Amino acid sequence: MLGIDAGGSKTVAWLADARGQVVGEGRAGGANLHSAGELATEKTLFEVIHQALGDRIALPEVVCVGMAGMDRPADEAVLRAILRRLGFRGPVHAVNDALIALVAGADEEPGVVVIAGTGSIAYGVGPDATAARAGGWGEVYGDEGSAFWVGARGLAAVVRAADRRGPATALSALVLRHAGVDRIDGLVAQVFARKDRRQAIAAMAGLVAKADAEGDAVAGEILGAAAAELAIAAASVVDQLAMRGERFRVVLSGGLFKMAPLLPSMLATRMGEIAPRASTGVLIDEPALGAVRLARRAAEGRLRVPVYAAAREARR
């Protein structure tokens, strides 16, 4: 069986045996249909699958792919068509990448996952296997609290400081040094010229975290606002699932939690106010583990992809 985590900045494929033990791995850059496009996504999936298979000739009978946007039937159809072109003829299970991260951290238990990578989303599954989500609509509509969101606000703070429309910030020197330029106009030109602009801006979140660690007030405000936005999304999910008084796990996943080591504790404090009985922690394993677990459930005939509450109500 094969489990794939296709994220905005990296893609990880794990090949597992019938017991769920990982026997092969593949890694490459991001594979997102909306930001990278269908052709680039297919190339990345081919690369990670080829790496994971190694010298093996036969393709796995069951594959599960977690990717942003897989709540939409049109995106699921495109992904399944890609995997058919890559030779897969067996069952292909396409799910939201938030689900595989939650399964990696909470397995079959109810819980909420907050993802803050290039993009952001909060997603949860209640005791009755009902799902709920908040956010995850992309940078145009939000992605509040994501690495892109933090990085973009860091760049905005640098420009505002240069214009004297905002306070001076240690981010100015850090960002200019990172970009290898000595003037703001050079920074602006460089950012707009990059084809990987979204990923480049998301990488700036690490500089915001560095400035915050050095005591910069502007950077601290940005990260504080990110924690607040992520908590708002998580609270929406908790309320949709009526879990404020329940005991469950809150799984934190995504590169921003690694770039900004203080962010998990900031979010954990807020989650303690929202759901006092919940426990909050950063995901240790790769989200691809969740994809492998779902693929194994499918192979055993017991896969149940959670249904959103609104969809369940519409069926009644």
C-alpha atoms as a PDB file:
ATOM      1  CA  MET A   1       0.000   0.000   0.000  1.00  0.00           C
ATOM      2  CA  LEU A   2       1.087   3.564  -0.645  1.00  0.00           C
ATOM      3  CA  GLY A   3       0.416   6.698   1.381  1.00  0.00           C
ATOM      4  CA  ILE A   4       1.229  10.140  -0.018  1.00  0.00           C
ATOM      5  CA  ASP A   5       1.254  13.541   1.674  1.00  0.00           C
ATOM      6  CA  ALA A   6       1.179  16.152  -1.105  1.00  0.00           C
ATOM      7  CA  GLY A   7       1.710  19.550   0.503  1.00  0.00           C
ATOM      8  CA  GLY A   8       2.319  23.060  -0.746  1.00  0.00           C
ATOM      9  CA  SER A   9       6.087  22.917  -0.233  1.00  0.00           C
ATOM     10  CA  LYS A  10       6.940  19.210   0.003  1.00  0.00           C
ATOM     11  CA  THR A  11       5.564  15.815  -1.000  1.00  0.00           C
ATOM     12  CA  VAL A  12       6.292  12.602   0.895  1.00  0.00           C
ATOM     13  CA  ALA A  13       5.352   9.090  -0.240  1.00  0.00           C
ATOM     14  CA  TRP A  14       5.582   6.068   2.041  1.00  0.00           C
ATOM     15  CA  LEU A  15       5.357   2.508   0.722  1.00  0.00           C
ATOM     16  CA  ALA A  16       4.194   0.058   3.389  1.00  0.00           C
ATOM     17  CA  ASP A  17       3.711  -3.673   3.668  1.00  0.00           C
ATOM     18  CA  ALA A  18       0.511  -5.425   4.758  1.00  0.00           C
ATOM     19  CA  ARG A  19       1.329  -4.757   8.429  1.00  0.00           C
ATOM     20  CA  GLY A  20       1.693  -1.046   7.792  1.00  0.00           C
ATOM     21  CA  GLN A  21       5.490  -1.063   8.163  1.00  0.00           C
ATOM     22  CA  VAL A  22       7.233   1.472   5.911  1.00  0.00           C
ATOM     23  CA  VAL A  23       9.520  -0.211   3.374  1.00  0.00           C
ATOM     24  CA  GLY A  24      10.131   2.662   0.949  1.00  0.00           C
ATOM     25  CA  GLU A  25      10.120   6.449   0.897  1.00  0.00           C
ATOM     26  CA  GLY A  26      10.067   9.217  -1.687  1.00  0.00           C
ATOM     27  CA  ARG A  27      10.477  12.982  -1.215  1.00  0.00           C
ATOM     28  CA  ALA A  28      10.146  15.932  -3.563  1.00  0.00           C
ATOM     29  CA  GLY A  29       8.815  19.485  -3.726  1.00  0.00           C
ATOM     30  CA  GLY A  30       5.229  20.624  -3.419  1.00  0.00           C
ATOM     31  CA  ALA A  31       2.358  19.039  -5.346  1.00  0.00           C
ATOM     32  CA  ASN A  32      -0.745  21.194  -5.197  1.00  0.00           C
ATOM     33  CA  LEU A  33      -3.151  21.271  -8.119  1.00  0.00           C
ATOM     34  CA  HIS A  34      -4.096  24.916  -7.657  1.00  0.00           C
ATOM     35  CA  SER A  35      -0.693  26.441  -6.995  1.00  0.00           C
ATOM     36  CA  ALA A  36       1.490  24.111  -9.106  1.00  0.00           C
ATOM     37  CA  GLY A  37      -0.934  22.962 -11.793  1.00  0.00           C
ATOM     38  CA  GLU A  38      -1.846  19.500 -13.046  1.00  0.00           C
ATOM     39  CA  LEU A  39       1.312  18.807 -15.078  1.00  0.00           C
ATOM     40  CA  ALA A  40       3.721  19.835 -12.301  1.00  0.00           C
ATOM     41  CA  THR A  41       1.693  17.856  -9.772  1.00  0.00           C
ATOM     42  CA  GLU A  42       1.872  14.759 -11.960  1.00  0.00           C
ATOM     43  CA  LYS A  43       5.647  15.117 -12.311  1.00  0.00           C
ATOM     44  CA  THR A  44       6.113  15.419  -8.564  1.00  0.00           C
ATOM     45  CA  LEU A  45       3.876  12.437  -7.818  1.00  0.00           C
ATOM     46  CA  PHE A  46       5.735  10.353 -10.396  1.00  0.00           C
ATOM     47  CA  GLU A  47       9.032  11.291  -8.751  1.00  0.00           C
ATOM     48  CA  VAL A  48       8.060  10.394  -5.187  1.00  0.00           C
ATOM     49  CA  ILE A  49       6.315   7.186  -6.238  1.00  0.00           C
ATOM     50  CA  HIS A  50       9.366   6.118  -8.263  1.00  0.00           C
ATOM     51  CA  GLN A  51      11.629   6.784  -5.265  1.00  0.00           C
ATOM     52  CA  ALA A  52       9.358   4.908  -2.858  1.00  0.00           C
ATOM     53  CA  LEU A  53       9.083   1.859  -5.128  1.00  0.00           C
ATOM     54  CA  GLY A  54      12.822   1.609  -5.720  1.00  0.00           C
ATOM     55  CA  ASP A  55      13.530  -1.543  -7.729  1.00  0.00           C
ATOM     56  CA  ARG A  56      10.026  -2.922  -7.267  1.00  0.00           C
ATOM     57  CA  ILE A  57       8.048  -3.368 -10.478  1.00  0.00           C
ATOM     58  CA  ALA A  58       4.518  -3.983  -9.233  1.00  0.00           C
ATOM     59  CA  LEU A  59       2.478  -0.974  -8.153  1.00  0.00           C
ATOM     60  CA  PRO A  60       0.700  -1.068  -4.774  1.00  0.00           C
ATOM     61  CA  GLU A  61      -2.874  -2.289  -4.897  1.00  0.00           C
ATOM     62  CA  VAL A  62      -4.159   0.503  -2.646  1.00  0.00           C
ATOM     63  CA  VAL A  63      -3.074   4.149  -2.560  1.00  0.00           C
ATOM     64  CA  CYS A  64      -4.217   7.043  -0.408  1.00  0.00           C
ATOM     65  CA  VAL A  65      -3.253  10.626  -1.248  1.00  0.00           C
ATOM     66  CA  GLY A  66      -3.746  13.566   1.073  1.00  0.00           C
ATOM     67  CA  MET A  67      -3.809  16.892  -0.751  1.00  0.00           C
ATOM     68  CA  ALA A  68      -5.367  20.285  -0.193  1.00  0.00           C
ATOM     69  CA  GLY A  69      -8.640  20.687  -2.072  1.00  0.00           C
ATOM     70  CA  MET A  70      -9.638  17.035  -2.044  1.00  0.00           C
ATOM     71  CA  ASP A  71     -12.976  17.962  -0.485  1.00  0.00           C
ATOM     72  CA  ARG A  72     -14.039  19.092  -3.958  1.00  0.00           C
ATOM     73  CA  PRO A  73     -15.188  16.349  -6.387  1.00  0.00           C
ATOM     74  CA  ALA A  74     -13.603  18.089  -9.389  1.00  0.00           C
ATOM     75  CA  ASP A  75     -10.172  18.067  -7.739  1.00  0.00           C
ATOM     76  CA  GLU A  76     -10.583  14.427  -6.714  1.00  0.00           C
ATOM     77  CA  ALA A  77     -11.361  13.525 -10.330  1.00  0.00           C
ATOM     78  CA  VAL A  78      -8.232  15.284 -11.593  1.00  0.00           C
ATOM     79  CA  LEU A  79      -6.029  13.541  -9.027  1.00  0.00           C
ATOM     80  CA  ARG A  80      -7.496  10.121  -9.828  1.00  0.00           C
ATOM     81  CA  ALA A  81      -6.897  10.765 -13.543  1.00  0.00           C
ATOM     82  CA  ILE A  82      -3.262  11.612 -12.796  1.00  0.00           C
ATOM     83  CA  LEU A  83      -2.755   8.372 -10.877  1.00  0.00           C
ATOM     84  CA  ARG A  84      -4.399   6.372 -13.647  1.00  0.00           C
ATOM     85  CA  ARG A  85      -1.915   7.867 -16.089  1.00  0.00           C
ATOM     86  CA  LEU A  86       0.842   6.796 -13.706  1.00  0.00           C
ATOM     87  CA  GLY A  87      -0.395   3.225 -13.946  1.00  0.00           C
ATOM     88  CA  PHE A  88      -2.623   2.759 -10.898  1.00  0.00           C
ATOM     89  CA  ARG A  89      -5.651   0.620 -11.647  1.00  0.00           C
ATOM     90  CA  GLY A  90      -6.679  -0.282  -8.114  1.00  0.00           C
ATOM     91  CA  PRO A  91      -8.554   1.815  -5.553  1.00  0.00           C
ATOM     92  CA  VAL A  92      -7.327   5.404  -5.210  1.00  0.00           C
ATOM     93  CA  HIS A  93      -8.469   7.246  -2.113  1.00  0.00           C
ATOM     94  CA  ALA A  94      -8.105  11.030  -2.363  1.00  0.00           C
ATOM     95  CA  VAL A  95      -8.629  12.921   0.899  1.00  0.00           C
ATOM     96  CA  ASN A  96      -7.912  16.329   2.331  1.00  0.00           C
ATOM     97  CA  ASP A  97      -4.344  16.603   3.599  1.00  0.00           C
ATOM     98  CA  ALA A  98      -5.728  17.717   6.962  1.00  0.00           C
ATOM     99  CA  LEU A  99      -7.334  14.303   7.444  1.00  0.00           C
ATOM    100  CA  ILE A 100      -4.077  12.399   7.019  1.00  0.00           C
ATOM    101  CA  ALA A 101      -2.325  14.752   9.465  1.00  0.00           C
ATOM    102  CA  LEU A 102      -5.093  14.167  12.015  1.00  0.00           C
ATOM    103  CA  VAL A 103      -4.937  10.386  11.540  1.00  0.00           C
ATOM    104  CA  ALA A 104      -1.139  10.516  11.910  1.00  0.00           C
ATOM    105  CA  GLY A 105      -1.515  12.281  15.253  1.00  0.00           C
ATOM    106  CA  ALA A 106      -4.737  10.841  16.692  1.00  0.00           C
ATOM    107  CA  ASP A 107      -5.196   7.624  14.677  1.00  0.00           C
ATOM    108  CA  GLU A 108      -8.847   6.568  15.008  1.00  0.00           C
ATOM    109  CA  GLU A 109      -9.688   8.840  17.939  1.00  0.00           C
ATOM    110  CA  PRO A 110     -11.715  12.078  17.671  1.00  0.00           C
ATOM    111  CA  GLY A 111      -9.585  15.184  17.403  1.00  0.00           C
ATOM    112  CA  VAL A 112      -8.741  18.459  15.736  1.00  0.00           C
ATOM    113  CA  VAL A 113      -5.748  19.247  13.573  1.00  0.00           C
ATOM    114  CA  VAL A 114      -4.437  22.742  12.951  1.00  0.00           C
ATOM    115  CA  ILE A 115      -2.187  22.942   9.899  1.00  0.00           C
ATOM    116  CA  ALA A 116       0.094  25.927   9.434  1.00  0.00           C
ATOM    117  CA  GLY A 117       2.310  25.234   6.475  1.00  0.00           C
ATOM    118  CA  THR A 118       2.449  27.247   3.275  1.00  0.00           C
ATOM    119  CA  GLY A 119      -1.326  27.461   3.756  1.00  0.00           C
ATOM    120  CA  SER A 120      -3.493  26.896   6.809  1.00  0.00           C
ATOM    121  CA  ILE A 121      -6.630  25.009   7.810  1.00  0.00           C
ATOM    122  CA  ALA A 122      -8.323  23.632  10.916  1.00  0.00           C
ATOM    123  CA  TYR A 123     -10.076  20.291  10.581  1.00  0.00           C
ATOM    124  CA  GLY A 124     -11.664  17.913  13.028  1.00  0.00           C
ATOM    125  CA  VAL A 125     -13.522  14.646  13.406  1.00  0.00           C
ATOM    126  CA  GLY A 126     -16.026  14.118  16.208  1.00  0.00           C
ATOM    127  CA  PRO A 127     -16.963  10.954  18.108  1.00  0.00           C
ATOM    128  CA  ASP A 128     -19.671  10.165  15.529  1.00  0.00           C
ATOM    129  CA  ALA A 129     -17.181  10.409  12.622  1.00  0.00           C
ATOM    130  CA  THR A 130     -18.669  13.743  11.538  1.00  0.00           C
ATOM    131  CA  ALA A 131     -16.082  16.134  10.117  1.00  0.00           C
ATOM    132  CA  ALA A 132     -15.788  19.920  10.221  1.00  0.00           C
ATOM    133  CA  ARG A 133     -13.340  22.426   8.808  1.00  0.00           C
ATOM    134  CA  ALA A 134     -12.499  26.120   8.915  1.00  0.00           C
ATOM    135  CA  GLY A 135     -10.088  28.006   6.668  1.00  0.00           C
ATOM    136  CA  GLY A 136      -8.031  26.356   3.984  1.00  0.00           C
ATOM    137  CA  TRP A 137      -9.385  28.590   1.237  1.00  0.00           C
ATOM    138  CA  GLY A 138      -6.024  29.724  -0.165  1.00  0.00           C
ATOM    139  CA  GLU A 139      -4.007  32.919   0.073  1.00  0.00           C
ATOM    140  CA  VAL A 140      -6.499  35.033  -1.885  1.00  0.00           C
ATOM    141  CA  TYR A 141      -9.315  34.326   0.559  1.00  0.00           C
ATOM    142  CA  GLY A 142      -7.316  33.944   3.730  1.00  0.00           C
ATOM    143  CA  ASP A 143      -4.869  31.221   4.824  1.00  0.00           C
ATOM    144  CA  GLU A 144      -4.675  33.215   8.042  1.00  0.00           C
ATOM    145  CA  GLY A 145      -1.914  32.108  10.375  1.00  0.00           C
ATOM    146  CA  SER A 146      -0.027  30.218   7.657  1.00  0.00           C
ATOM    147  CA  ALA A 147       3.669  30.594   6.863  1.00  0.00           C
ATOM    148  CA  PHE A 148       2.698  32.570   3.749  1.00  0.00           C
ATOM    149  CA  TRP A 149       0.454  34.847   5.828  1.00  0.00           C
ATOM    150  CA  VAL A 150       3.213  35.443   8.390  1.00  0.00           C
ATOM    151  CA  GLY A 151       5.868  35.951   5.720  1.00  0.00           C
ATOM    152  CA  ALA A 152       3.722  38.403   3.770  1.00  0.00           C
ATOM    153  CA  ARG A 153       3.076  40.435   6.913  1.00  0.00           C
ATOM    154  CA  GLY A 154       6.769  40.417   7.666  1.00  0.00           C
ATOM    155  CA  LEU A 155       7.518  41.847   4.227  1.00  0.00           C
ATOM    156  CA  ALA A 156       4.756  44.418   4.643  1.00  0.00           C
ATOM    157  CA  ALA A 157       6.260  45.489   7.965  1.00  0.00           C
ATOM    158  CA  VAL A 158       9.640  46.022   6.288  1.00  0.00           C
ATOM    159  CA  VAL A 159       8.093  48.185   3.579  1.00  0.00           C
ATOM    160  CA  ARG A 160       6.024  50.161   6.090  1.00  0.00           C
ATOM    161  CA  ALA A 161       9.127  50.799   8.181  1.00  0.00           C
ATOM    162  CA  ALA A 162      10.991  52.029   5.084  1.00  0.00           C
ATOM    163  CA  ASP A 163       8.132  54.431   4.312  1.00  0.00           C
ATOM    164  CA  ARG A 164       7.970  55.515   7.966  1.00  0.00           C
ATOM    165  CA  ARG A 165       4.343  54.420   7.989  1.00  0.00           C
ATOM    166  CA  GLY A 166       5.175  51.838  10.601  1.00  0.00           C
ATOM    167  CA  PRO A 167       7.649  51.255  13.424  1.00  0.00           C
ATOM    168  CA  ALA A 168      11.260  50.306  12.874  1.00  0.00           C
ATOM    169  CA  THR A 169      11.808  46.544  13.015  1.00  0.00           C
ATOM    170  CA  ALA A 170      14.710  44.136  13.127  1.00  0.00           C
ATOM    171  CA  LEU A 171      12.998  42.399  10.222  1.00  0.00           C
ATOM    172  CA  SER A 172      14.348  45.033   7.826  1.00  0.00           C
ATOM    173  CA  ALA A 173      17.987  43.972   8.158  1.00  0.00           C
ATOM    174  CA  LEU A 174      17.126  40.270   8.348  1.00  0.00           C
ATOM    175  CA  VAL A 175      14.973  40.301   5.212  1.00  0.00           C
ATOM    176  CA  LEU A 176      17.384  42.389   3.132  1.00  0.00           C
ATOM    177  CA  ARG A 177      20.294  40.167   4.138  1.00  0.00           C
ATOM    178  CA  HIS A 178      18.282  37.037   3.339  1.00  0.00           C
ATOM    179  CA  ALA A 179      17.400  38.411  -0.108  1.00  0.00           C
ATOM    180  CA  GLY A 180      20.964  39.543  -0.808  1.00  0.00           C
ATOM    181  CA  VAL A 181      19.992  43.148  -1.531  1.00  0.00           C
ATOM    182  CA  ASP A 182      20.633  46.428   0.263  1.00  0.00           C
ATOM    183  CA  ARG A 183      17.591  48.424  -0.830  1.00  0.00           C
ATOM    184  CA  ILE A 184      13.850  47.952  -0.456  1.00  0.00           C
ATOM    185  CA  ASP A 185      13.186  48.462  -4.170  1.00  0.00           C
ATOM    186  CA  GLY A 186      15.602  45.634  -4.922  1.00  0.00           C
ATOM    187  CA  LEU A 187      13.725  43.418  -2.483  1.00  0.00           C
ATOM    188  CA  VAL A 188      10.375  44.181  -4.085  1.00  0.00           C
ATOM    189  CA  ALA A 189      11.696  43.497  -7.578  1.00  0.00           C
ATOM    190  CA  GLN A 190      13.256  40.220  -6.484  1.00  0.00           C
ATOM    191  CA  VAL A 191      10.084  38.929  -4.822  1.00  0.00           C
ATOM    192  CA  PHE A 192       7.862  39.697  -7.805  1.00  0.00           C
ATOM    193  CA  ALA A 193      10.346  38.161 -10.249  1.00  0.00           C
ATOM    194  CA  ARG A 194      10.345  34.747  -8.564  1.00  0.00           C
ATOM    195  CA  LYS A 195       8.295  31.938 -10.071  1.00  0.00           C
ATOM    196  CA  ASP A 196       8.132  30.278  -6.653  1.00  0.00           C
ATOM    197  CA  ARG A 197       6.909  33.485  -5.043  1.00  0.00           C
ATOM    198  CA  ARG A 198       4.417  31.782  -2.729  1.00  0.00           C
ATOM    199  CA  GLN A 199       7.025  29.428  -1.285  1.00  0.00           C
ATOM    200  CA  ALA A 200       9.622  32.217  -1.091  1.00  0.00           C
ATOM    201  CA  ILE A 201       7.269  34.429   0.894  1.00  0.00           C
ATOM    202  CA  ALA A 202       6.335  31.525   3.165  1.00  0.00           C
ATOM    203  CA  ALA A 203      10.041  31.003   3.891  1.00  0.00           C
ATOM    204  CA  MET A 204      10.180  34.561   5.250  1.00  0.00           C
ATOM    205  CA  ALA A 205       8.151  33.336   8.231  1.00  0.00           C
ATOM    206  CA  GLY A 206      11.383  31.904   9.619  1.00  0.00           C
ATOM    207  CA  LEU A 207      12.841  35.416   9.703  1.00  0.00           C
ATOM    208  CA  VAL A 208       9.784  36.683  11.557  1.00  0.00           C
ATOM    209  CA  ALA A 209      10.332  33.949  14.141  1.00  0.00           C
ATOM    210  CA  LYS A 210      14.022  34.864  14.399  1.00  0.00           C
ATOM    211  CA  ALA A 211      13.221  38.545  14.936  1.00  0.00           C
ATOM    212  CA  ASP A 212      10.635  37.623  17.550  1.00  0.00           C
ATOM    213  CA  ALA A 213      13.193  35.490  19.406  1.00  0.00           C
ATOM    214  CA  GLU A 214      15.464  38.542  19.433  1.00  0.00           C
ATOM    215  CA  GLY A 215      12.736  40.602  21.084  1.00  0.00           C
ATOM    216  CA  ASP A 216      11.401  42.508  18.071  1.00  0.00           C
ATOM    217  CA  ALA A 217       7.952  43.870  18.925  1.00  0.00           C
ATOM    218  CA  VAL A 218       6.704  43.966  15.333  1.00  0.00           C
ATOM    219  CA  ALA A 219       7.593  40.313  14.735  1.00  0.00           C
ATOM    220  CA  GLY A 220       6.019  39.401  18.056  1.00  0.00           C
ATOM    221  CA  GLU A 221       2.766  41.056  17.042  1.00  0.00           C
ATOM    222  CA  ILE A 222       2.722  39.147  13.752  1.00  0.00           C
ATOM    223  CA  LEU A 223       3.195  35.763  15.429  1.00  0.00           C
ATOM    224  CA  GLY A 224       0.684  36.648  18.124  1.00  0.00           C
ATOM    225  CA  ALA A 225      -1.846  37.486  15.433  1.00  0.00           C
ATOM    226  CA  ALA A 226      -1.061  34.178  13.681  1.00  0.00           C
ATOM    227  CA  ALA A 227      -1.743  32.233  16.885  1.00  0.00           C
ATOM    228  CA  ALA A 228      -5.009  34.131  17.332  1.00  0.00           C
ATOM    229  CA  GLU A 229      -6.146  33.376  13.778  1.00  0.00           C
ATOM    230  CA  LEU A 230      -5.302  29.686  14.048  1.00  0.00           C
ATOM    231  CA  ALA A 231      -7.150  29.509  17.364  1.00  0.00           C
ATOM    232  CA  ILE A 232     -10.227  31.138  15.815  1.00  0.00           C
ATOM    233  CA  ALA A 233     -10.248  28.485  13.083  1.00  0.00           C
ATOM    234  CA  ALA A 234      -9.786  25.693  15.615  1.00  0.00           C
ATOM    235  CA  ALA A 235     -12.565  27.100  17.809  1.00  0.00           C
ATOM    236  CA  SER A 236     -14.913  27.089  14.821  1.00  0.00           C
ATOM    237  CA  VAL A 237     -14.220  23.394  14.252  1.00  0.00           C
ATOM    238  CA  VAL A 238     -14.610  22.555  17.938  1.00  0.00           C
ATOM    239  CA  ASP A 239     -17.956  24.353  18.015  1.00  0.00           C
ATOM    240  CA  GLN A 240     -19.202  22.708  14.827  1.00  0.00           C
ATOM    241  CA  LEU A 241     -18.485  19.342  16.428  1.00  0.00           C
ATOM    242  CA  ALA A 242     -19.814  20.393  19.871  1.00  0.00           C
ATOM    243  CA  MET A 243     -16.570  19.275  21.529  1.00  0.00           C
ATOM    244  CA  ARG A 244     -15.727  22.149  23.891  1.00  0.00           C
ATOM    245  CA  GLY A 245     -16.321  19.984  26.937  1.00  0.00           C
ATOM    246  CA  GLU A 246     -14.816  16.798  25.474  1.00  0.00           C
ATOM    247  CA  ARG A 247     -11.401  15.223  25.917  1.00  0.00           C
ATOM    248  CA  PHE A 248      -9.539  15.030  22.585  1.00  0.00           C
ATOM    249  CA  ARG A 249      -6.233  15.738  20.893  1.00  0.00           C
ATOM    250  CA  VAL A 250      -5.338  18.941  19.105  1.00  0.00           C
ATOM    251  CA  VAL A 251      -2.626  18.082  16.583  1.00  0.00           C
ATOM    252  CA  LEU A 252      -0.386  20.896  15.305  1.00  0.00           C
ATOM    253  CA  SER A 253       1.112  20.154  11.901  1.00  0.00           C
ATOM    254  CA  GLY A 254       3.031  22.138   9.303  1.00  0.00           C
ATOM    255  CA  GLY A 255       6.341  23.877   8.766  1.00  0.00           C
ATOM    256  CA  LEU A 256       5.443  27.082  10.598  1.00  0.00           C
ATOM    257  CA  PHE A 257       5.386  25.275  13.942  1.00  0.00           C
ATOM    258  CA  LYS A 258       8.981  24.239  13.306  1.00  0.00           C
ATOM    259  CA  MET A 259      10.053  27.656  12.030  1.00  0.00           C
ATOM    260  CA  ALA A 260       8.480  29.404  15.019  1.00  0.00           C
ATOM    261  CA  PRO A 261       9.169  27.215  18.093  1.00  0.00           C
ATOM    262  CA  LEU A 262       7.188  29.527  20.395  1.00  0.00           C
ATOM    263  CA  LEU A 263       4.013  29.300  18.319  1.00  0.00           C
ATOM    264  CA  PRO A 264       2.844  25.874  19.603  1.00  0.00           C
ATOM    265  CA  SER A 265       2.818  27.056  23.212  1.00  0.00           C
ATOM    266  CA  MET A 266       1.004  30.253  22.214  1.00  0.00           C
ATOM    267  CA  LEU A 267      -1.653  28.199  20.469  1.00  0.00           C
ATOM    268  CA  ALA A 268      -1.822  25.624  23.263  1.00  0.00           C
ATOM    269  CA  THR A 269      -2.633  28.408  25.725  1.00  0.00           C
ATOM    270  CA  ARG A 270      -5.482  29.616  23.541  1.00  0.00           C
ATOM    271  CA  MET A 271      -6.769  26.074  23.018  1.00  0.00           C
ATOM    272  CA  GLY A 272      -6.827  25.607  26.790  1.00  0.00           C
ATOM    273  CA  GLU A 273      -9.347  28.440  26.958  1.00  0.00           C
ATOM    274  CA  ILE A 274     -11.434  27.008  24.096  1.00  0.00           C
ATOM    275  CA  ALA A 275     -11.460  23.336  25.125  1.00  0.00           C
ATOM    276  CA  PRO A 276      -9.978  22.913  28.638  1.00  0.00           C
ATOM    277  CA  ARG A 277      -9.951  19.093  28.495  1.00  0.00           C
ATOM    278  CA  ALA A 278      -8.106  18.914  25.162  1.00  0.00           C
ATOM    279  CA  SER A 279      -4.379  18.208  24.926  1.00  0.00           C
ATOM    280  CA  THR A 280      -2.358  20.121  22.331  1.00  0.00           C
ATOM    281  CA  GLY A 281       0.912  18.993  20.777  1.00  0.00           C
ATOM    282  CA  VAL A 282       3.006  19.167  17.639  1.00  0.00           C
ATOM    283  CA  LEU A 283       2.785  16.206  15.268  1.00  0.00           C
ATOM    284  CA  ILE A 284       5.978  14.173  15.591  1.00  0.00           C
ATOM    285  CA  ASP A 285       5.416  11.744  12.717  1.00  0.00           C
ATOM    286  CA  GLU A 286       5.131  12.582   9.051  1.00  0.00           C
ATOM    287  CA  PRO A 287       1.535  13.194   7.885  1.00  0.00           C
ATOM    288  CA  ALA A 288       2.258  10.467   5.322  1.00  0.00           C
ATOM    289  CA  LEU A 289       1.792   8.033   8.211  1.00  0.00           C
ATOM    290  CA  GLY A 290      -1.872   8.993   8.248  1.00  0.00           C
ATOM    291  CA  ALA A 291      -2.144   8.276   4.528  1.00  0.00           C
ATOM    292  CA  VAL A 292      -0.602   4.830   5.091  1.00  0.00           C
ATOM    293  CA  ARG A 293      -3.039   4.128   7.930  1.00  0.00           C
ATOM    294  CA  LEU A 294      -5.995   5.094   5.759  1.00  0.00           C
ATOM    295  CA  ALA A 295      -4.683   2.940   2.897  1.00  0.00           C
ATOM    296  CA  ARG A 296      -4.366   0.002   5.291  1.00  0.00           C
ATOM    297  CA  ARG A 297      -7.936   0.502   6.503  1.00  0.00           C
ATOM    298  CA  ALA A 298      -9.063   0.526   2.867  1.00  0.00           C
ATOM    299  CA  ALA A 299      -7.174  -2.703   2.181  1.00  0.00           C
ATOM    300  CA  GLU A 300      -8.902  -4.273   5.193  1.00  0.00           C
ATOM    301  CA  GLY A 301     -12.308  -3.036   4.015  1.00  0.00           C
ATOM    302  CA  ARG A 302     -12.926  -0.727   6.961  1.00  0.00           C
ATOM    303  CA  LEU A 303     -12.116   2.743   5.620  1.00  0.00           C
ATOM    304  CA  ARG A 304     -14.686   5.363   6.568  1.00  0.00           C
ATOM    305  CA  VAL A 305     -13.875   8.826   5.277  1.00  0.00           C
ATOM    306  CA  PRO A 306     -15.553  11.295   7.666  1.00  0.00           C
ATOM    307  CA  VAL A 307     -18.545  13.164   6.243  1.00  0.00           C
ATOM    308  CA  TYR A 308     -18.945  16.871   6.853  1.00  0.00           C
ATOM    309  CA  ALA A 309     -21.812  17.796   9.134  1.00  0.00           C
ATOM    310  CA  ALA A 310     -23.485  19.947   6.459  1.00  0.00           C
ATOM    311  CA  ALA A 311     -23.369  17.094   3.926  1.00  0.00           C
ATOM    312  CA  ARG A 312     -24.791  14.678   6.487  1.00  0.00           C
ATOM    313  CA  GLU A 313     -27.679  17.033   7.245  1.00  0.00           C
ATOM    314  CA  ALA A 314     -28.398  17.447   3.523  1.00  0.00           C
ATOM    315  CA  ARG A 315     -28.836  13.664   3.179  1.00  0.00           C
ATOM    316  CA  ARG A 316     -31.513  13.504   5.862  1.00  0.00           C
END
